[in-house]
Amino acid sequence: MAEHAIELQVQGPWSLATSRAFWEGFAPVALAPGHDEGLSTVFLVEADWSRAGASVRQDGDTASVVVSGSGDLDAAAAQVARFLALDVDAREWPAVGQRDAVLGEVQAQLPGLRPCGFHSPYEAAVWAVLSQRIRVQQAAVLRTRLTERYGDDGALPSPAVLRSLDLELPGRKAEYLHAVADAALDGVLDGTALRGIPPEEAVERVQQVKGLGPFAAELVVVRGANAPDAVPHHEARLDDEIRVRYGDGATVAAVSEAWRPFRTWAAVHLRAVREARLHEFG
């Protein structure tokens, strides 16, 4: 197994510790046991669907990334930068909090957070199907079983493997997972391609995949491709948090104009503090 190490100069605020704490609470993604100062995970590389391992450490503004595997490790390193949002120039992110005092307060509660997403749009789409009409905890169990039985040492099964499986799952989940696998193999769910077009267009493209409605398609683009400047339109909990912080009648569409070009980041920050508050007060 080969190994490849790179160093990335991260532009703008970044705290690996804050980002890791956020990711640890993200049920669809499993982190490997690691050291307090680092982050480790395994995933499928979109370029060739090989399994890769990654470890990341922070030294000031520098991210030290080590990827290992038998596939395209240059592509694996680039994918790590994307799903950890290390490839985003965030030097203007503090200015968003200066324009919007509410968001500035939230930024202060999560210093250096860079929204971490799914490892890939494919992985996000699989989760979107598994979590339809069931509780998050139940979906997490289904994902774990799928990974343990058919995956590659901690990573999801590749699209080719997933397409070949005769799965016994509730409703039409098996049919929809096959459609997701086909879309991944056809390049419809490519993260680089989805990041390279306007988010609205990307969402429309993903919605062509059977089983992925508006909410699921937004999840794939916003958290799968980790697009930094998209507005979620189908998140009731985000809508509730905006009304709490900005007042009755406030809407995502109205307040998010001040968040450009980091609308995704702002929405994720608001959701994160909401979930932390609700968890604290039970």
C-alpha atoms as a PDB file:
ATOM      1  CA  MET A   1       0.000   0.000   0.000  1.00  0.00           C
ATOM      2  CA  ALA A   2       1.406   3.350  -1.042  1.00  0.00           C
ATOM      3  CA  GLU A   3       1.437   6.552   0.982  1.00  0.00           C
ATOM      4  CA  HIS A   4       1.361  10.173  -0.117  1.00  0.00           C
ATOM      5  CA  ALA A   5       1.936  13.254   2.070  1.00  0.00           C
ATOM      6  CA  ILE A   6       1.145  16.867   1.241  1.00  0.00           C
ATOM      7  CA  GLU A   7       1.017  20.162   3.089  1.00  0.00           C
ATOM      8  CA  LEU A   8      -1.788  22.660   2.440  1.00  0.00           C
ATOM      9  CA  GLN A   9      -1.677  26.316   3.338  1.00  0.00           C
ATOM     10  CA  VAL A  10      -5.182  26.976   4.642  1.00  0.00           C
ATOM     11  CA  GLN A  11      -6.528  30.414   3.772  1.00  0.00           C
ATOM     12  CA  GLY A  12      -8.529  32.032   6.561  1.00  0.00           C
ATOM     13  CA  PRO A  13      -9.635  30.838  10.007  1.00  0.00           C
ATOM     14  CA  TRP A  14      -9.289  27.139  10.723  1.00  0.00           C
ATOM     15  CA  SER A  15      -9.270  24.941  13.778  1.00  0.00           C
ATOM     16  CA  LEU A  16      -8.923  21.204  13.224  1.00  0.00           C
ATOM     17  CA  ALA A  17     -10.030  20.588  16.823  1.00  0.00           C
ATOM     18  CA  THR A  18     -13.293  22.535  16.341  1.00  0.00           C
ATOM     19  CA  SER A  19     -13.927  20.908  12.977  1.00  0.00           C
ATOM     20  CA  ARG A  20     -13.293  17.439  14.373  1.00  0.00           C
ATOM     21  CA  ALA A  21     -15.678  18.031  17.265  1.00  0.00           C
ATOM     22  CA  PHE A  22     -18.326  19.067  14.748  1.00  0.00           C
ATOM     23  CA  TRP A  23     -17.697  16.023  12.552  1.00  0.00           C
ATOM     24  CA  GLU A  24     -17.835  13.633  15.496  1.00  0.00           C
ATOM     25  CA  GLY A  25     -21.459  14.634  15.974  1.00  0.00           C
ATOM     26  CA  PHE A  26     -22.253  14.002  12.305  1.00  0.00           C
ATOM     27  CA  ALA A  27     -23.946  10.584  12.394  1.00  0.00           C
ATOM     28  CA  PRO A  28     -23.486   9.659   8.706  1.00  0.00           C
ATOM     29  CA  VAL A  29     -19.676   9.845   8.865  1.00  0.00           C
ATOM     30  CA  ALA A  30     -17.478   7.651  11.026  1.00  0.00           C
ATOM     31  CA  LEU A  31     -14.088   8.833  12.215  1.00  0.00           C
ATOM     32  CA  ALA A  32     -11.355   6.339  12.914  1.00  0.00           C
ATOM     33  CA  PRO A  33      -9.799   6.311  16.398  1.00  0.00           C
ATOM     34  CA  GLY A  34      -7.151   9.000  16.396  1.00  0.00           C
ATOM     35  CA  HIS A  35      -5.058  11.268  18.526  1.00  0.00           C
ATOM     36  CA  ASP A  36      -6.426  14.407  20.119  1.00  0.00           C
ATOM     37  CA  GLU A  37      -4.380  16.605  17.834  1.00  0.00           C
ATOM     38  CA  GLY A  38      -5.360  14.871  14.582  1.00  0.00           C
ATOM     39  CA  LEU A  39      -8.157  13.392  12.552  1.00  0.00           C
ATOM     40  CA  SER A  40      -8.274  10.035  10.778  1.00  0.00           C
ATOM     41  CA  THR A  41     -10.863   8.575   8.427  1.00  0.00           C
ATOM     42  CA  VAL A  42     -11.321   6.120   5.548  1.00  0.00           C
ATOM     43  CA  PHE A  43     -13.273   6.715   2.363  1.00  0.00           C
ATOM     44  CA  LEU A  44     -13.766   5.828  -1.304  1.00  0.00           C
ATOM     45  CA  VAL A  45     -11.757   7.858  -3.810  1.00  0.00           C
ATOM     46  CA  GLU A  46     -14.083   9.174  -6.510  1.00  0.00           C
ATOM     47  CA  ALA A  47     -11.425   8.957  -9.212  1.00  0.00           C
ATOM     48  CA  ASP A  48     -11.282   5.151  -9.172  1.00  0.00           C
ATOM     49  CA  TRP A  49     -13.497   4.035  -6.223  1.00  0.00           C
ATOM     50  CA  SER A  50     -10.508   2.609  -4.379  1.00  0.00           C
ATOM     51  CA  ARG A  51     -10.354   2.716  -0.591  1.00  0.00           C
ATOM     52  CA  ALA A  52      -8.074   5.293   0.996  1.00  0.00           C
ATOM     53  CA  GLY A  53      -7.113   6.197   4.515  1.00  0.00           C
ATOM     54  CA  ALA A  54      -6.357   9.755   5.544  1.00  0.00           C
ATOM     55  CA  SER A  55      -4.844  11.436   8.563  1.00  0.00           C
ATOM     56  CA  VAL A  56      -4.768  15.190   9.035  1.00  0.00           C
ATOM     57  CA  ARG A  57      -2.865  17.352  11.496  1.00  0.00           C
ATOM     58  CA  GLN A  58      -2.705  21.087  11.977  1.00  0.00           C
ATOM     59  CA  ASP A  59       0.344  23.259  12.472  1.00  0.00           C
ATOM     60  CA  GLY A  60      -0.854  26.839  12.497  1.00  0.00           C
ATOM     61  CA  ASP A  61      -2.207  27.621   9.039  1.00  0.00           C
ATOM     62  CA  THR A  62      -0.730  24.430   7.584  1.00  0.00           C
ATOM     63  CA  ALA A  63      -2.648  21.195   7.166  1.00  0.00           C
ATOM     64  CA  SER A  64      -0.457  18.101   6.970  1.00  0.00           C
ATOM     65  CA  VAL A  65      -2.371  15.449   5.054  1.00  0.00           C
ATOM     66  CA  VAL A  66      -1.234  11.854   4.632  1.00  0.00           C
ATOM     67  CA  VAL A  67      -3.265   9.540   2.413  1.00  0.00           C
ATOM     68  CA  SER A  68      -2.654   5.846   1.875  1.00  0.00           C
ATOM     69  CA  GLY A  69      -4.104   3.255  -0.457  1.00  0.00           C
ATOM     70  CA  SER A  70      -3.649   1.438  -3.724  1.00  0.00           C
ATOM     71  CA  GLY A  71      -5.446   3.928  -5.977  1.00  0.00           C
ATOM     72  CA  ASP A  72      -5.070   7.542  -7.126  1.00  0.00           C
ATOM     73  CA  LEU A  73      -3.574   9.213  -4.067  1.00  0.00           C
ATOM     74  CA  ASP A  74      -3.332  12.662  -5.653  1.00  0.00           C
ATOM     75  CA  ALA A  75      -7.094  12.529  -6.175  1.00  0.00           C
ATOM     76  CA  ALA A  76      -7.531  11.199  -2.634  1.00  0.00           C
ATOM     77  CA  ALA A  77      -5.625  14.150  -1.163  1.00  0.00           C
ATOM     78  CA  ALA A  78      -7.694  16.619  -3.176  1.00  0.00           C
ATOM     79  CA  GLN A  79     -10.862  14.915  -1.956  1.00  0.00           C
ATOM     80  CA  VAL A  80      -9.732  15.220   1.660  1.00  0.00           C
ATOM     81  CA  ALA A  81      -9.236  18.956   1.143  1.00  0.00           C
ATOM     82  CA  ARG A  82     -12.755  19.196  -0.240  1.00  0.00           C
ATOM     83  CA  PHE A  83     -14.642  17.244   2.417  1.00  0.00           C
ATOM     84  CA  LEU A  84     -12.787  19.084   5.187  1.00  0.00           C
ATOM     85  CA  ALA A  85     -13.309  22.447   3.397  1.00  0.00           C
ATOM     86  CA  LEU A  86      -9.566  23.080   3.430  1.00  0.00           C
ATOM     87  CA  ASP A  87      -9.700  24.073  -0.237  1.00  0.00           C
ATOM     88  CA  VAL A  88     -11.876  27.142   0.458  1.00  0.00           C
ATOM     89  CA  ASP A  89     -10.288  30.588   0.648  1.00  0.00           C
ATOM     90  CA  ALA A  90     -12.015  31.857   3.790  1.00  0.00           C
ATOM     91  CA  ARG A  91     -10.098  35.042   4.424  1.00  0.00           C
ATOM     92  CA  GLU A  92     -13.353  36.984   3.962  1.00  0.00           C
ATOM     93  CA  TRP A  93     -15.354  34.709   6.265  1.00  0.00           C
ATOM     94  CA  PRO A  94     -14.841  36.944   9.369  1.00  0.00           C
ATOM     95  CA  ALA A  95     -16.252  39.885   7.384  1.00  0.00           C
ATOM     96  CA  VAL A  96     -19.574  38.024   7.115  1.00  0.00           C
ATOM     97  CA  GLY A  97     -19.856  38.094  10.888  1.00  0.00           C
ATOM     98  CA  GLN A  98     -19.054  41.788  10.895  1.00  0.00           C
ATOM     99  CA  ARG A  99     -21.920  42.458   8.455  1.00  0.00           C
ATOM    100  CA  ASP A 100     -24.322  40.242  10.389  1.00  0.00           C
ATOM    101  CA  ALA A 101     -24.048  40.578  14.164  1.00  0.00           C
ATOM    102  CA  VAL A 102     -26.144  37.451  14.760  1.00  0.00           C
ATOM    103  CA  LEU A 103     -23.791  35.347  12.710  1.00  0.00           C
ATOM    104  CA  GLY A 104     -20.790  37.042  14.281  1.00  0.00           C
ATOM    105  CA  GLU A 105     -21.981  35.773  17.663  1.00  0.00           C
ATOM    106  CA  VAL A 106     -22.329  32.265  16.273  1.00  0.00           C
ATOM    107  CA  GLN A 107     -18.858  32.405  14.705  1.00  0.00           C
ATOM    108  CA  ALA A 108     -17.428  33.284  18.114  1.00  0.00           C
ATOM    109  CA  GLN A 109     -19.004  30.137  19.593  1.00  0.00           C
ATOM    110  CA  LEU A 110     -17.375  27.927  16.951  1.00  0.00           C
ATOM    111  CA  PRO A 111     -13.956  29.494  16.323  1.00  0.00           C
ATOM    112  CA  GLY A 112     -12.226  28.095  13.287  1.00  0.00           C
ATOM    113  CA  LEU A 113     -14.998  25.714  12.270  1.00  0.00           C
ATOM    114  CA  ARG A 114     -14.850  24.615   8.655  1.00  0.00           C
ATOM    115  CA  PRO A 115     -17.972  22.639   7.813  1.00  0.00           C
ATOM    116  CA  CYS A 116     -16.960  19.036   7.185  1.00  0.00           C
ATOM    117  CA  GLY A 117     -19.182  17.116   4.828  1.00  0.00           C
ATOM    118  CA  PHE A 118     -19.629  13.607   3.566  1.00  0.00           C
ATOM    119  CA  HIS A 119     -16.587  12.092   1.936  1.00  0.00           C
ATOM    120  CA  SER A 120     -18.311  12.408  -1.447  1.00  0.00           C
ATOM    121  CA  PRO A 121     -21.662  13.153  -3.099  1.00  0.00           C
ATOM    122  CA  TYR A 122     -22.016   9.386  -3.643  1.00  0.00           C
ATOM    123  CA  GLU A 123     -21.767   8.797   0.086  1.00  0.00           C
ATOM    124  CA  ALA A 124     -24.246  11.605   0.750  1.00  0.00           C
ATOM    125  CA  ALA A 125     -26.690  10.107  -1.741  1.00  0.00           C
ATOM    126  CA  VAL A 126     -26.442   6.675  -0.106  1.00  0.00           C
ATOM    127  CA  TRP A 127     -27.186   8.269   3.254  1.00  0.00           C
ATOM    128  CA  ALA A 128     -30.098  10.256   1.791  1.00  0.00           C
ATOM    129  CA  VAL A 129     -31.719   7.029   0.608  1.00  0.00           C
ATOM    130  CA  LEU A 130     -31.050   5.090   3.807  1.00  0.00           C
ATOM    131  CA  SER A 131     -32.435   7.879   6.010  1.00  0.00           C
ATOM    132  CA  GLN A 132     -35.685   8.434   4.103  1.00  0.00           C
ATOM    133  CA  ARG A 133     -38.733   8.081   6.360  1.00  0.00           C
ATOM    134  CA  ILE A 134     -36.819   6.564   9.287  1.00  0.00           C
ATOM    135  CA  ARG A 135     -34.987   7.959  12.303  1.00  0.00           C
ATOM    136  CA  VAL A 136     -31.344   8.994  12.014  1.00  0.00           C
ATOM    137  CA  GLN A 137     -30.323   6.309  14.496  1.00  0.00           C
ATOM    138  CA  GLN A 138     -32.017   3.616  12.404  1.00  0.00           C
ATOM    139  CA  ALA A 139     -30.386   4.906   9.240  1.00  0.00           C
ATOM    140  CA  ALA A 140     -26.993   4.854  10.957  1.00  0.00           C
ATOM    141  CA  VAL A 141     -27.530   1.181  11.808  1.00  0.00           C
ATOM    142  CA  LEU A 142     -28.383   0.404   8.173  1.00  0.00           C
ATOM    143  CA  ARG A 143     -25.277   2.243   7.001  1.00  0.00           C
ATOM    144  CA  THR A 144     -23.072   0.377   9.467  1.00  0.00           C
ATOM    145  CA  ARG A 145     -24.468  -2.976   8.360  1.00  0.00           C
ATOM    146  CA  LEU A 146     -24.019  -2.090   4.696  1.00  0.00           C
ATOM    147  CA  THR A 147     -20.415  -1.058   5.320  1.00  0.00           C
ATOM    148  CA  GLU A 148     -19.506  -4.043   7.490  1.00  0.00           C
ATOM    149  CA  ARG A 149     -21.050  -6.650   5.185  1.00  0.00           C
ATOM    150  CA  TYR A 150     -20.187  -5.281   1.765  1.00  0.00           C
ATOM    151  CA  GLY A 151     -17.754  -2.396   2.229  1.00  0.00           C
ATOM    152  CA  ASP A 152     -14.001  -2.161   2.023  1.00  0.00           C
ATOM    153  CA  ASP A 153     -12.484  -2.166   5.516  1.00  0.00           C
ATOM    154  CA  GLY A 154     -14.510   0.705   6.947  1.00  0.00           C
ATOM    155  CA  ALA A 155     -15.454   2.403   3.677  1.00  0.00           C
ATOM    156  CA  LEU A 156     -18.803   2.083   1.936  1.00  0.00           C
ATOM    157  CA  PRO A 157     -19.144  -0.502  -0.823  1.00  0.00           C
ATOM    158  CA  SER A 158     -18.116   0.929  -4.182  1.00  0.00           C
ATOM    159  CA  PRO A 159     -20.862   1.853  -6.651  1.00  0.00           C
ATOM    160  CA  ALA A 160     -20.128  -1.264  -8.706  1.00  0.00           C
ATOM    161  CA  VAL A 161     -20.489  -3.490  -5.650  1.00  0.00           C
ATOM    162  CA  LEU A 162     -23.597  -1.665  -4.449  1.00  0.00           C
ATOM    163  CA  ARG A 163     -25.204  -2.054  -7.885  1.00  0.00           C
ATOM    164  CA  SER A 164     -24.720  -5.822  -7.737  1.00  0.00           C
ATOM    165  CA  LEU A 165     -26.294  -6.357  -4.315  1.00  0.00           C
ATOM    166  CA  ASP A 166     -29.731  -7.838  -3.745  1.00  0.00           C
ATOM    167  CA  LEU A 167     -30.551  -5.940  -0.579  1.00  0.00           C
ATOM    168  CA  GLU A 168     -33.485  -6.452   1.757  1.00  0.00           C
ATOM    169  CA  LEU A 169     -34.337  -2.932   2.858  1.00  0.00           C
ATOM    170  CA  PRO A 170     -37.571  -1.123   3.764  1.00  0.00           C
ATOM    171  CA  GLY A 171     -39.694   0.328   0.965  1.00  0.00           C
ATOM    172  CA  ARG A 172     -37.885   1.165  -2.273  1.00  0.00           C
ATOM    173  CA  LYS A 173     -34.496   1.802  -0.678  1.00  0.00           C
ATOM    174  CA  ALA A 174     -32.755  -1.028  -2.548  1.00  0.00           C
ATOM    175  CA  GLU A 175     -34.082   0.255  -5.892  1.00  0.00           C
ATOM    176  CA  TYR A 176     -32.987   3.794  -5.077  1.00  0.00           C
ATOM    177  CA  LEU A 177     -29.531   2.663  -3.948  1.00  0.00           C
ATOM    178  CA  HIS A 178     -29.068   0.929  -7.302  1.00  0.00           C
ATOM    179  CA  ALA A 179     -30.022   4.204  -9.018  1.00  0.00           C
ATOM    180  CA  VAL A 180     -27.464   6.066  -6.889  1.00  0.00           C
ATOM    181  CA  ALA A 181     -24.801   3.522  -7.814  1.00  0.00           C
ATOM    182  CA  ASP A 182     -25.591   3.924 -11.502  1.00  0.00           C
ATOM    183  CA  ALA A 183     -25.425   7.715 -11.195  1.00  0.00           C
ATOM    184  CA  ALA A 184     -22.049   7.526  -9.458  1.00  0.00           C
ATOM    185  CA  LEU A 185     -20.652   5.220 -12.143  1.00  0.00           C
ATOM    186  CA  ASP A 186     -21.969   7.578 -14.840  1.00  0.00           C
ATOM    187  CA  GLY A 187     -20.279  10.605 -13.241  1.00  0.00           C
ATOM    188  CA  VAL A 188     -23.531  12.340 -12.273  1.00  0.00           C
ATOM    189  CA  LEU A 189     -22.433  12.514  -8.626  1.00  0.00           C
ATOM    190  CA  ASP A 190     -18.860  13.655  -9.235  1.00  0.00           C
ATOM    191  CA  GLY A 191     -17.903  16.110  -6.498  1.00  0.00           C
ATOM    192  CA  THR A 192     -15.585  18.257  -8.597  1.00  0.00           C
ATOM    193  CA  ALA A 193     -18.200  18.617 -11.328  1.00  0.00           C
ATOM    194  CA  LEU A 194     -20.984  19.497  -8.882  1.00  0.00           C
ATOM    195  CA  ARG A 195     -18.779  22.083  -7.179  1.00  0.00           C
ATOM    196  CA  GLY A 196     -17.940  23.589 -10.560  1.00  0.00           C
ATOM    197  CA  ILE A 197     -21.476  24.698 -11.443  1.00  0.00           C
ATOM    198  CA  PRO A 198     -23.979  26.964  -9.643  1.00  0.00           C
ATOM    199  CA  PRO A 199     -25.537  25.154  -6.650  1.00  0.00           C
ATOM    200  CA  GLU A 200     -29.064  25.500  -8.019  1.00  0.00           C
ATOM    201  CA  GLU A 201     -28.019  23.805 -11.256  1.00  0.00           C
ATOM    202  CA  ALA A 202     -26.182  21.101  -9.331  1.00  0.00           C
ATOM    203  CA  VAL A 203     -29.295  20.373  -7.255  1.00  0.00           C
ATOM    204  CA  GLU A 204     -31.382  20.058 -10.410  1.00  0.00           C
ATOM    205  CA  ARG A 205     -28.854  17.626 -11.855  1.00  0.00           C
ATOM    206  CA  VAL A 206     -28.885  15.440  -8.750  1.00  0.00           C
ATOM    207  CA  GLN A 207     -32.687  15.402  -8.672  1.00  0.00           C
ATOM    208  CA  GLN A 208     -32.635  13.448 -11.924  1.00  0.00           C
ATOM    209  CA  VAL A 209     -31.445  10.431  -9.920  1.00  0.00           C
ATOM    210  CA  LYS A 210     -34.373   8.205  -8.972  1.00  0.00           C
ATOM    211  CA  GLY A 211     -35.184   8.464  -5.284  1.00  0.00           C
ATOM    212  CA  LEU A 212     -33.426  11.783  -4.681  1.00  0.00           C
ATOM    213  CA  GLY A 213     -36.000  14.520  -4.143  1.00  0.00           C
ATOM    214  CA  PRO A 214     -35.381  18.214  -3.389  1.00  0.00           C
ATOM    215  CA  PHE A 215     -34.185  17.697   0.206  1.00  0.00           C
ATOM    216  CA  ALA A 216     -31.902  14.793  -0.709  1.00  0.00           C
ATOM    217  CA  ALA A 217     -30.476  16.607  -3.733  1.00  0.00           C
ATOM    218  CA  GLU A 218     -29.608  19.635  -1.596  1.00  0.00           C
ATOM    219  CA  LEU A 219     -27.909  17.350   0.914  1.00  0.00           C
ATOM    220  CA  VAL A 220     -25.805  15.815  -1.861  1.00  0.00           C
ATOM    221  CA  VAL A 221     -24.686  19.221  -3.148  1.00  0.00           C
ATOM    222  CA  VAL A 222     -24.362  21.118   0.139  1.00  0.00           C
ATOM    223  CA  ARG A 223     -22.858  18.392   2.312  1.00  0.00           C
ATOM    224  CA  GLY A 224     -21.653  15.879  -0.296  1.00  0.00           C
ATOM    225  CA  ALA A 225     -19.858  18.211  -2.692  1.00  0.00           C
ATOM    226  CA  ASN A 226     -19.368  20.571   0.290  1.00  0.00           C
ATOM    227  CA  ALA A 227     -20.327  23.627  -1.765  1.00  0.00           C
ATOM    228  CA  PRO A 228     -19.530  26.686   0.409  1.00  0.00           C
ATOM    229  CA  ASP A 229     -22.178  29.057  -0.931  1.00  0.00           C
ATOM    230  CA  ALA A 230     -25.521  27.288  -1.257  1.00  0.00           C
ATOM    231  CA  VAL A 231     -28.774  28.027   0.559  1.00  0.00           C
ATOM    232  CA  PRO A 232     -30.651  25.052   2.035  1.00  0.00           C
ATOM    233  CA  HIS A 233     -34.358  25.455   1.276  1.00  0.00           C
ATOM    234  CA  HIS A 234     -35.746  22.332   2.927  1.00  0.00           C
ATOM    235  CA  GLU A 235     -34.389  22.365   6.487  1.00  0.00           C
ATOM    236  CA  ALA A 236     -37.130  23.048   8.989  1.00  0.00           C
ATOM    237  CA  ARG A 237     -34.699  23.205  11.902  1.00  0.00           C
ATOM    238  CA  LEU A 238     -32.662  25.890  10.168  1.00  0.00           C
ATOM    239  CA  ASP A 239     -35.859  27.848   9.495  1.00  0.00           C
ATOM    240  CA  ASP A 240     -36.739  27.593  13.191  1.00  0.00           C
ATOM    241  CA  GLU A 241     -33.305  28.796  14.287  1.00  0.00           C
ATOM    242  CA  ILE A 242     -33.485  31.787  11.961  1.00  0.00           C
ATOM    243  CA  ARG A 243     -36.831  32.817  13.435  1.00  0.00           C
ATOM    244  CA  VAL A 244     -35.404  32.453  16.951  1.00  0.00           C
ATOM    245  CA  ARG A 245     -32.353  34.586  16.223  1.00  0.00           C
ATOM    246  CA  TYR A 246     -33.641  37.058  13.639  1.00  0.00           C
ATOM    247  CA  GLY A 247     -37.270  37.363  14.696  1.00  0.00           C
ATOM    248  CA  ASP A 248     -40.656  36.102  13.551  1.00  0.00           C
ATOM    249  CA  GLY A 249     -41.097  36.469   9.830  1.00  0.00           C
ATOM    250  CA  ALA A 250     -37.376  36.169   9.068  1.00  0.00           C
ATOM    251  CA  THR A 251     -36.570  33.758   6.245  1.00  0.00           C
ATOM    252  CA  VAL A 252     -33.460  31.996   4.998  1.00  0.00           C
ATOM    253  CA  ALA A 253     -33.763  33.721   1.632  1.00  0.00           C
ATOM    254  CA  ALA A 254     -33.824  37.176   3.215  1.00  0.00           C
ATOM    255  CA  VAL A 255     -31.094  36.903   5.846  1.00  0.00           C
ATOM    256  CA  SER A 256     -28.720  34.775   3.766  1.00  0.00           C
ATOM    257  CA  GLU A 257     -27.974  37.571   1.310  1.00  0.00           C
ATOM    258  CA  ALA A 258     -25.558  39.023   3.869  1.00  0.00           C
ATOM    259  CA  TRP A 259     -23.765  35.679   4.091  1.00  0.00           C
ATOM    260  CA  ARG A 260     -22.448  35.529   0.516  1.00  0.00           C
ATOM    261  CA  PRO A 261     -20.160  33.869  -0.519  1.00  0.00           C
ATOM    262  CA  PHE A 262     -20.401  31.581   2.518  1.00  0.00           C
ATOM    263  CA  ARG A 263     -24.105  30.837   2.752  1.00  0.00           C
ATOM    264  CA  THR A 264     -23.547  27.134   3.373  1.00  0.00           C
ATOM    265  CA  TRP A 265     -21.058  27.860   6.121  1.00  0.00           C
ATOM    266  CA  ALA A 266     -23.413  30.286   7.835  1.00  0.00           C
ATOM    267  CA  ALA A 267     -26.305  27.821   7.687  1.00  0.00           C
ATOM    268  CA  VAL A 268     -24.134  25.013   9.087  1.00  0.00           C
ATOM    269  CA  HIS A 269     -22.947  27.237  11.942  1.00  0.00           C
ATOM    270  CA  LEU A 270     -26.532  28.138  12.864  1.00  0.00           C
ATOM    271  CA  ARG A 271     -27.615  24.505  12.768  1.00  0.00           C
ATOM    272  CA  ALA A 272     -24.602  23.438  14.840  1.00  0.00           C
ATOM    273  CA  VAL A 273     -25.264  25.865  17.675  1.00  0.00           C
ATOM    274  CA  ARG A 274     -28.962  24.986  17.613  1.00  0.00           C
ATOM    275  CA  GLU A 275     -28.241  21.265  17.958  1.00  0.00           C
ATOM    276  CA  ALA A 276     -25.745  21.932  20.753  1.00  0.00           C
ATOM    277  CA  ARG A 277     -28.285  24.067  22.621  1.00  0.00           C
ATOM    278  CA  LEU A 278     -31.089  21.516  22.260  1.00  0.00           C
ATOM    279  CA  HIS A 279     -28.760  18.717  23.357  1.00  0.00           C
ATOM    280  CA  GLU A 280     -27.630  20.715  26.396  1.00  0.00           C
ATOM    281  CA  PHE A 281     -31.160  21.386  27.571  1.00  0.00           C
ATOM    282  CA  GLY A 282     -32.428  18.004  26.469  1.00  0.00           C
END
